Amino acid sequence: MNILIVNDDSISAPGIAYLARAAAKLGDVWIAAPAQQCSALSQKLTLRELISLEEVTDFPAPVRKAWRIGGTPVDCVKVALEHLLEEKPDVVLSGINNGFNAGQDIAYSGTLGAAFEAARAGIPAIALSTAGDDYLCGAQPYLIPVLKELMEMGAEKGNVWNVNFPAVKTSAPKGILRDVVPAPVSLFRETYIEEVQPDGRVTVACKGILTPLEQIPEGTDARAVKTGYISIGKVNAFVR
């Protein structure tokens, strides 16, 4: 099993090393990840700038090779498939993201953007997210079983698996809810606060407001993780 791992939080993020250590127990792992934080870049592609490549020899997991790429999550997938790897991987894993990717928020997600790029290239893809890096330990007992299950199941052409681990550290999740659908709301609603800078410029700062649980429908990914469950569902790379 040849596994390519990407993310949007950068190659230095705790989540990608955590995922790589688990994936290395299932196959040979390659890493292609952004040099910088790329959250909310969705499917941005670099067209008119040079993309830097640097092999990382001290990546903190047993991988075949790791590259730091000066581009977006989608760039990482495309560069790996078209330039770095000698053959296509059997699966692409994206994450583990620092923050949920559920509901309408997936439209902005660089984590999902990378997975969608893999799916469009005909490669099974799994996106993985958690409430934050502090909760990676809560995902640990379930990570390899979930990866095995989804790798064995595969996915219909154009679909990616979207997995979210809830905000638990020492206690266990309540269970796994499968076949959830993206919630028709965002977990966070954006509001903009206007400020006047000392030089007279007017600026706005984005602030996220958490959507109340009662506004999140049952059977959705956002509802699952907000109530303590691991959520697993499919998202289509072409229609979202």
C-alpha atoms as a PDB file:
ATOM      1  CA  MET A   1       0.000   0.000   0.000  1.00  0.00           C
ATOM      2  CA  ASN A   2       1.489   3.312  -1.146  1.00  0.00           C
ATOM      3  CA  ILE A   3       0.127   6.283   0.782  1.00  0.00           C
ATOM      4  CA  LEU A   4       0.536   9.978   0.021  1.00  0.00           C
ATOM      5  CA  ILE A   5      -0.184  12.344   2.914  1.00  0.00           C
ATOM      6  CA  VAL A   6      -0.893  16.050   2.492  1.00  0.00           C
ATOM      7  CA  ASN A   7      -2.430  18.740   4.674  1.00  0.00           C
ATOM      8  CA  ASP A   8      -3.158  22.455   4.845  1.00  0.00           C
ATOM      9  CA  ASP A   9      -1.655  23.294   8.253  1.00  0.00           C
ATOM     10  CA  SER A  10       1.938  22.965   6.942  1.00  0.00           C
ATOM     11  CA  ILE A  11       4.517  20.210   7.109  1.00  0.00           C
ATOM     12  CA  SER A  12       5.421  21.330  10.652  1.00  0.00           C
ATOM     13  CA  ALA A  13       1.906  20.770  12.028  1.00  0.00           C
ATOM     14  CA  PRO A  14       1.454  18.102  14.730  1.00  0.00           C
ATOM     15  CA  GLY A  15      -1.489  16.531  12.918  1.00  0.00           C
ATOM     16  CA  ILE A  16       0.383  15.442   9.793  1.00  0.00           C
ATOM     17  CA  ALA A  17       3.139  13.748  11.800  1.00  0.00           C
ATOM     18  CA  TYR A  18       0.496  12.043  13.951  1.00  0.00           C
ATOM     19  CA  LEU A  19      -1.273  10.755  10.853  1.00  0.00           C
ATOM     20  CA  ALA A  20       1.972   9.659   9.208  1.00  0.00           C
ATOM     21  CA  ARG A  21       2.989   7.565  12.229  1.00  0.00           C
ATOM     22  CA  ALA A  22      -0.347   5.746  12.075  1.00  0.00           C
ATOM     23  CA  ALA A  23      -0.339   5.345   8.286  1.00  0.00           C
ATOM     24  CA  ALA A  24       3.191   3.923   8.346  1.00  0.00           C
ATOM     25  CA  LYS A  25       1.722   0.855  10.056  1.00  0.00           C
ATOM     26  CA  LEU A  26      -0.484   0.304   7.003  1.00  0.00           C
ATOM     27  CA  GLY A  27       1.928   0.910   4.129  1.00  0.00           C
ATOM     28  CA  ASP A  28       4.717   3.020   2.655  1.00  0.00           C
ATOM     29  CA  VAL A  29       4.197   6.722   3.254  1.00  0.00           C
ATOM     30  CA  TRP A  30       5.237   9.793   1.277  1.00  0.00           C
ATOM     31  CA  ILE A  31       4.652  13.338   2.514  1.00  0.00           C
ATOM     32  CA  ALA A  32       4.017  16.406   0.341  1.00  0.00           C
ATOM     33  CA  ALA A  33       2.901  19.325   2.468  1.00  0.00           C
ATOM     34  CA  PRO A  34       2.897  23.122   2.345  1.00  0.00           C
ATOM     35  CA  ALA A  35       5.776  25.090   3.790  1.00  0.00           C
ATOM     36  CA  GLN A  36       3.313  27.527   5.393  1.00  0.00           C
ATOM     37  CA  GLN A  37      -0.133  27.504   6.975  1.00  0.00           C
ATOM     38  CA  CYS A  38      -2.708  27.240   4.163  1.00  0.00           C
ATOM     39  CA  SER A  39      -6.033  26.904   5.956  1.00  0.00           C
ATOM     40  CA  ALA A  40      -9.139  28.087   4.078  1.00  0.00           C
ATOM     41  CA  LEU A  41      -7.374  28.115   0.716  1.00  0.00           C
ATOM     42  CA  SER A  42      -9.866  25.583  -0.632  1.00  0.00           C
ATOM     43  CA  GLN A  43      -8.714  24.559  -4.118  1.00  0.00           C
ATOM     44  CA  LYS A  44      -6.381  27.446  -4.836  1.00  0.00           C
ATOM     45  CA  LEU A  45      -3.778  26.587  -7.452  1.00  0.00           C
ATOM     46  CA  THR A  46      -0.483  28.409  -8.052  1.00  0.00           C
ATOM     47  CA  LEU A  47      -0.197  29.390 -11.723  1.00  0.00           C
ATOM     48  CA  ARG A  48       1.991  32.482 -12.071  1.00  0.00           C
ATOM     49  CA  GLU A  49       4.577  31.994  -9.337  1.00  0.00           C
ATOM     50  CA  LEU A  50       7.428  29.561  -8.811  1.00  0.00           C
ATOM     51  CA  ILE A  51       6.800  26.709  -6.368  1.00  0.00           C
ATOM     52  CA  SER A  52       9.738  25.779  -4.159  1.00  0.00           C
ATOM     53  CA  LEU A  53      10.567  22.135  -3.366  1.00  0.00           C
ATOM     54  CA  GLU A  54      12.697  20.968  -0.463  1.00  0.00           C
ATOM     55  CA  GLU A  55      13.217  17.420   0.735  1.00  0.00           C
ATOM     56  CA  VAL A  56      12.827  17.073   4.494  1.00  0.00           C
ATOM     57  CA  THR A  57      15.227  14.520   5.971  1.00  0.00           C
ATOM     58  CA  ASP A  58      14.165  14.835   9.611  1.00  0.00           C
ATOM     59  CA  PHE A  59      10.403  14.384   9.329  1.00  0.00           C
ATOM     60  CA  PRO A  60       9.222  12.981  12.704  1.00  0.00           C
ATOM     61  CA  ALA A  61       7.680   9.761  11.371  1.00  0.00           C
ATOM     62  CA  PRO A  62       8.926   6.681   9.458  1.00  0.00           C
ATOM     63  CA  VAL A  63       8.247   7.818   5.881  1.00  0.00           C
ATOM     64  CA  ARG A  64       9.885   6.983   2.566  1.00  0.00           C
ATOM     65  CA  LYS A  65      10.320  10.648   1.655  1.00  0.00           C
ATOM     66  CA  ALA A  66       8.920  14.012   2.703  1.00  0.00           C
ATOM     67  CA  TRP A  67       8.854  17.295   0.803  1.00  0.00           C
ATOM     68  CA  ARG A  68       8.189  20.846   1.915  1.00  0.00           C
ATOM     69  CA  ILE A  69       6.392  22.602  -0.914  1.00  0.00           C
ATOM     70  CA  GLY A  70       6.035  26.351  -1.287  1.00  0.00           C
ATOM     71  CA  GLY A  71       2.476  26.232  -2.527  1.00  0.00           C
ATOM     72  CA  THR A  72      -1.095  25.370  -1.653  1.00  0.00           C
ATOM     73  CA  PRO A  73      -2.557  22.000  -0.585  1.00  0.00           C
ATOM     74  CA  VAL A  74      -3.761  21.426  -4.158  1.00  0.00           C
ATOM     75  CA  ASP A  75      -0.297  22.297  -5.454  1.00  0.00           C
ATOM     76  CA  CYS A  76       1.117  19.636  -3.120  1.00  0.00           C
ATOM     77  CA  VAL A  77      -1.116  16.944  -4.581  1.00  0.00           C
ATOM     78  CA  LYS A  78      -0.515  17.943  -8.187  1.00  0.00           C
ATOM     79  CA  VAL A  79       3.257  18.319  -7.804  1.00  0.00           C
ATOM     80  CA  ALA A  80       3.504  14.982  -6.005  1.00  0.00           C
ATOM     81  CA  LEU A  81       1.442  13.137  -8.620  1.00  0.00           C
ATOM     82  CA  GLU A  82       2.958  14.791 -11.672  1.00  0.00           C
ATOM     83  CA  HIS A  83       6.553  15.284 -10.604  1.00  0.00           C
ATOM     84  CA  LEU A  84       7.706  13.717  -7.335  1.00  0.00           C
ATOM     85  CA  LEU A  85       6.256  10.213  -7.204  1.00  0.00           C
ATOM     86  CA  GLU A  86       7.280   7.484  -9.625  1.00  0.00           C
ATOM     87  CA  GLU A  87       3.810   5.941  -9.517  1.00  0.00           C
ATOM     88  CA  LYS A  88       0.405   6.997  -8.314  1.00  0.00           C
ATOM     89  CA  PRO A  89      -0.361   6.234  -4.671  1.00  0.00           C
ATOM     90  CA  ASP A  90      -3.103   3.811  -3.704  1.00  0.00           C
ATOM     91  CA  VAL A  91      -4.694   6.402  -1.430  1.00  0.00           C
ATOM     92  CA  VAL A  92      -4.249  10.046  -0.455  1.00  0.00           C
ATOM     93  CA  LEU A  93      -4.763  11.080   3.175  1.00  0.00           C
ATOM     94  CA  SER A  94      -5.289  14.755   3.996  1.00  0.00           C
ATOM     95  CA  GLY A  95      -4.848  15.998   7.561  1.00  0.00           C
ATOM     96  CA  ILE A  96      -5.167  15.568  10.432  1.00  0.00           C
ATOM     97  CA  ASN A  97      -6.515  19.112  10.359  1.00  0.00           C
ATOM     98  CA  ASN A  98      -6.367  21.448  13.340  1.00  0.00           C
ATOM     99  CA  GLY A  99     -10.108  22.180  13.477  1.00  0.00           C
ATOM    100  CA  PHE A 100     -13.308  20.549  12.262  1.00  0.00           C
ATOM    101  CA  ASN A 101     -14.141  20.343   8.566  1.00  0.00           C
ATOM    102  CA  ALA A 102     -17.887  19.888   8.595  1.00  0.00           C
ATOM    103  CA  GLY A 103     -21.021  21.504   7.268  1.00  0.00           C
ATOM    104  CA  GLN A 104     -20.698  24.335   4.783  1.00  0.00           C
ATOM    105  CA  ASP A 105     -17.198  25.058   6.074  1.00  0.00           C
ATOM    106  CA  ILE A 106     -15.840  22.308   3.828  1.00  0.00           C
ATOM    107  CA  ALA A 107     -16.238  24.667   0.863  1.00  0.00           C
ATOM    108  CA  TYR A 108     -13.323  26.720   2.202  1.00  0.00           C
ATOM    109  CA  SER A 109     -11.187  23.866   3.508  1.00  0.00           C
ATOM    110  CA  GLY A 110      -7.685  23.320   2.174  1.00  0.00           C
ATOM    111  CA  THR A 111      -7.807  19.871   3.744  1.00  0.00           C
ATOM    112  CA  LEU A 112     -10.813  18.924   1.634  1.00  0.00           C
ATOM    113  CA  GLY A 113      -9.424  20.816  -1.355  1.00  0.00           C
ATOM    114  CA  ALA A 114      -6.399  18.517  -1.413  1.00  0.00           C
ATOM    115  CA  ALA A 115      -8.606  15.430  -1.073  1.00  0.00           C
ATOM    116  CA  PHE A 116     -10.846  16.626  -3.916  1.00  0.00           C
ATOM    117  CA  GLU A 117      -7.797  17.052  -6.152  1.00  0.00           C
ATOM    118  CA  ALA A 118      -6.775  13.455  -5.474  1.00  0.00           C
ATOM    119  CA  ALA A 119     -10.296  12.213  -6.198  1.00  0.00           C
ATOM    120  CA  ARG A 120     -10.366  14.058  -9.513  1.00  0.00           C
ATOM    121  CA  ALA A 121      -7.124  12.301 -10.384  1.00  0.00           C
ATOM    122  CA  GLY A 122      -8.863   8.965  -9.783  1.00  0.00           C
ATOM    123  CA  ILE A 123      -7.204   8.236  -6.432  1.00  0.00           C
ATOM    124  CA  PRO A 124      -9.211   7.307  -3.308  1.00  0.00           C
ATOM    125  CA  ALA A 125      -8.910  10.064  -0.726  1.00  0.00           C
ATOM    126  CA  ILE A 126      -9.685  10.477   2.960  1.00  0.00           C
ATOM    127  CA  ALA A 127      -9.790  13.840   4.738  1.00  0.00           C
ATOM    128  CA  LEU A 128      -9.326  13.781   8.507  1.00  0.00           C
ATOM    129  CA  SER A 129      -9.919  16.548  11.035  1.00  0.00           C
ATOM    130  CA  THR A 130     -10.293  17.035  14.757  1.00  0.00           C
ATOM    131  CA  ALA A 131     -11.381  19.824  17.081  1.00  0.00           C
ATOM    132  CA  GLY A 132      -7.754  20.909  17.453  1.00  0.00           C
ATOM    133  CA  ASP A 133      -4.243  19.633  17.970  1.00  0.00           C
ATOM    134  CA  ASP A 134      -4.926  19.233  21.698  1.00  0.00           C
ATOM    135  CA  TYR A 135      -7.440  16.504  20.853  1.00  0.00           C
ATOM    136  CA  LEU A 136      -5.232  14.303  18.683  1.00  0.00           C
ATOM    137  CA  CYS A 137      -4.762  11.890  21.583  1.00  0.00           C
ATOM    138  CA  GLY A 138      -8.522  11.312  21.693  1.00  0.00           C
ATOM    139  CA  ALA A 139      -8.448  10.141  18.066  1.00  0.00           C
ATOM    140  CA  GLN A 140      -5.559   7.722  18.613  1.00  0.00           C
ATOM    141  CA  PRO A 141      -7.484   4.509  19.472  1.00  0.00           C
ATOM    142  CA  TYR A 142      -9.755   4.926  16.448  1.00  0.00           C
ATOM    143  CA  LEU A 143      -7.412   6.275  13.805  1.00  0.00           C
ATOM    144  CA  ILE A 144      -5.945   3.057  12.397  1.00  0.00           C
ATOM    145  CA  PRO A 145      -9.260   1.106  12.512  1.00  0.00           C
ATOM    146  CA  VAL A 146     -11.018   3.949  10.681  1.00  0.00           C
ATOM    147  CA  LEU A 147      -8.255   4.181   8.074  1.00  0.00           C
ATOM    148  CA  LYS A 148      -8.346   0.401   7.507  1.00  0.00           C
ATOM    149  CA  GLU A 149     -12.131   0.412   7.170  1.00  0.00           C
ATOM    150  CA  LEU A 150     -12.239   3.229   4.637  1.00  0.00           C
ATOM    151  CA  MET A 151      -9.262   2.004   2.631  1.00  0.00           C
ATOM    152  CA  GLU A 152     -10.885  -1.399   2.287  1.00  0.00           C
ATOM    153  CA  MET A 153     -14.261   0.078   1.335  1.00  0.00           C
ATOM    154  CA  GLY A 154     -12.904   2.522  -1.193  1.00  0.00           C
ATOM    155  CA  ALA A 155     -15.242   5.171  -2.565  1.00  0.00           C
ATOM    156  CA  GLU A 156     -17.218   5.790  -5.705  1.00  0.00           C
ATOM    157  CA  LYS A 157     -15.412   7.810  -8.361  1.00  0.00           C
ATOM    158  CA  GLY A 158     -15.316  11.467  -7.429  1.00  0.00           C
ATOM    159  CA  ASN A 159     -16.177  10.946  -3.762  1.00  0.00           C
ATOM    160  CA  VAL A 160     -13.907  11.464  -0.777  1.00  0.00           C
ATOM    161  CA  TRP A 161     -14.322  10.255   2.775  1.00  0.00           C
ATOM    162  CA  ASN A 162     -14.602  13.060   5.311  1.00  0.00           C
ATOM    163  CA  VAL A 163     -13.769  12.071   8.889  1.00  0.00           C
ATOM    164  CA  ASN A 164     -14.057  14.330  11.944  1.00  0.00           C
ATOM    165  CA  PHE A 165     -12.956  13.356  15.455  1.00  0.00           C
ATOM    166  CA  PRO A 166     -14.781  15.086  18.338  1.00  0.00           C
ATOM    167  CA  ALA A 167     -13.316  17.233  21.095  1.00  0.00           C
ATOM    168  CA  VAL A 168     -12.364  14.513  23.572  1.00  0.00           C
ATOM    169  CA  LYS A 169      -9.015  14.052  25.297  1.00  0.00           C
ATOM    170  CA  THR A 170      -9.152  11.483  28.082  1.00  0.00           C
ATOM    171  CA  SER A 171     -12.720  10.222  27.683  1.00  0.00           C
ATOM    172  CA  ALA A 172     -13.736   8.186  24.635  1.00  0.00           C
ATOM    173  CA  PRO A 173     -16.026   9.391  21.835  1.00  0.00           C
ATOM    174  CA  LYS A 174     -19.610   8.219  22.200  1.00  0.00           C
ATOM    175  CA  GLY A 175     -19.166   6.127  19.069  1.00  0.00           C
ATOM    176  CA  ILE A 176     -18.976   6.437  15.301  1.00  0.00           C
ATOM    177  CA  LEU A 177     -21.784   7.841  13.170  1.00  0.00           C
ATOM    178  CA  ARG A 178     -21.427   6.723   9.553  1.00  0.00           C
ATOM    179  CA  ASP A 179     -23.106   7.988   6.398  1.00  0.00           C
ATOM    180  CA  VAL A 180     -23.586  11.454   7.827  1.00  0.00           C
ATOM    181  CA  VAL A 181     -24.164  14.289   5.384  1.00  0.00           C
ATOM    182  CA  PRO A 182     -22.674  17.787   5.452  1.00  0.00           C
ATOM    183  CA  ALA A 183     -24.769  20.078   7.601  1.00  0.00           C
ATOM    184  CA  PRO A 184     -26.556  22.834   5.645  1.00  0.00           C
ATOM    185  CA  VAL A 185     -25.010  25.385   7.999  1.00  0.00           C
ATOM    186  CA  SER A 186     -21.506  26.460   8.940  1.00  0.00           C
ATOM    187  CA  LEU A 187     -20.039  25.551  12.313  1.00  0.00           C
ATOM    188  CA  PHE A 188     -18.788  29.106  12.486  1.00  0.00           C
ATOM    189  CA  ARG A 189     -20.547  32.109  11.020  1.00  0.00           C
ATOM    190  CA  GLU A 190     -18.292  34.967   9.986  1.00  0.00           C
ATOM    191  CA  THR A 191     -18.895  38.503  11.146  1.00  0.00           C
ATOM    192  CA  TYR A 192     -16.698  41.506  10.389  1.00  0.00           C
ATOM    193  CA  ILE A 193     -15.627  44.149  12.880  1.00  0.00           C
ATOM    194  CA  GLU A 194     -14.633  47.524  11.486  1.00  0.00           C
ATOM    195  CA  GLU A 195     -11.640  49.396  12.864  1.00  0.00           C
ATOM    196  CA  VAL A 196     -10.012  52.697  11.986  1.00  0.00           C
ATOM    197  CA  GLN A 197      -6.233  52.425  11.996  1.00  0.00           C
ATOM    198  CA  PRO A 198      -3.930  55.196  13.340  1.00  0.00           C
ATOM    199  CA  ASP A 199      -3.119  56.242   9.778  1.00  0.00           C
ATOM    200  CA  GLY A 200      -6.821  56.651   8.991  1.00  0.00           C
ATOM    201  CA  ARG A 201      -7.274  53.460   6.991  1.00  0.00           C
ATOM    202  CA  VAL A 202     -10.521  51.578   7.579  1.00  0.00           C
ATOM    203  CA  THR A 203     -10.126  47.816   8.042  1.00  0.00           C
ATOM    204  CA  VAL A 204     -12.379  44.910   8.935  1.00  0.00           C
ATOM    205  CA  ALA A 205     -11.390  41.855  10.976  1.00  0.00           C
ATOM    206  CA  CYS A 206     -13.136  38.510  10.560  1.00  0.00           C
ATOM    207  CA  LYS A 207     -14.513  36.888  13.705  1.00  0.00           C
ATOM    208  CA  GLY A 208     -16.171  33.476  13.829  1.00  0.00           C
ATOM    209  CA  ILE A 209     -19.356  32.993  15.842  1.00  0.00           C
ATOM    210  CA  LEU A 210     -20.177  29.408  16.799  1.00  0.00           C
ATOM    211  CA  THR A 211     -23.511  28.170  15.443  1.00  0.00           C
ATOM    212  CA  PRO A 212     -25.771  26.993  18.313  1.00  0.00           C
ATOM    213  CA  LEU A 213     -26.263  23.219  18.486  1.00  0.00           C
ATOM    214  CA  GLU A 214     -30.041  23.535  18.145  1.00  0.00           C
ATOM    215  CA  GLN A 215     -29.557  25.048  14.682  1.00  0.00           C
ATOM    216  CA  ILE A 216     -27.560  22.039  13.421  1.00  0.00           C
ATOM    217  CA  PRO A 217     -29.796  19.254  12.006  1.00  0.00           C
ATOM    218  CA  GLU A 218     -29.663  15.628  13.154  1.00  0.00           C
ATOM    219  CA  GLY A 219     -27.861  13.180  10.871  1.00  0.00           C
ATOM    220  CA  THR A 220     -25.211  15.681   9.848  1.00  0.00           C
ATOM    221  CA  ASP A 221     -21.460  15.759  10.309  1.00  0.00           C
ATOM    222  CA  ALA A 222     -21.490  18.930  12.383  1.00  0.00           C
ATOM    223  CA  ARG A 223     -24.149  17.588  14.734  1.00  0.00           C
ATOM    224  CA  ALA A 224     -22.205  14.354  15.195  1.00  0.00           C
ATOM    225  CA  VAL A 225     -18.930  15.933  16.250  1.00  0.00           C
ATOM    226  CA  LYS A 226     -20.574  18.607  18.381  1.00  0.00           C
ATOM    227  CA  THR A 227     -22.347  15.878  20.369  1.00  0.00           C
ATOM    228  CA  GLY A 228     -19.228  13.761  20.924  1.00  0.00           C
ATOM    229  CA  TYR A 229     -19.281  11.289  18.023  1.00  0.00           C
ATOM    230  CA  ILE A 230     -16.777  10.509  15.292  1.00  0.00           C
ATOM    231  CA  SER A 231     -18.413  11.442  11.995  1.00  0.00           C
ATOM    232  CA  ILE A 232     -17.761   9.637   8.728  1.00  0.00           C
ATOM    233  CA  GLY A 233     -19.398  10.644   5.488  1.00  0.00           C
ATOM    234  CA  LYS A 234     -18.804  11.104   1.778  1.00  0.00           C
ATOM    235  CA  VAL A 235     -18.449  14.364  -0.102  1.00  0.00           C
ATOM    236  CA  ASN A 236     -18.411  14.620  -3.868  1.00  0.00           C
ATOM    237  CA  ALA A 237     -15.387  16.343  -5.365  1.00  0.00           C
ATOM    238  CA  PHE A 238     -17.460  17.869  -8.153  1.00  0.00           C
ATOM    239  CA  VAL A 239     -20.768  18.757  -6.489  1.00  0.00           C
ATOM    240  CA  ARG A 240     -20.627  20.057  -2.920  1.00  0.00           C
END
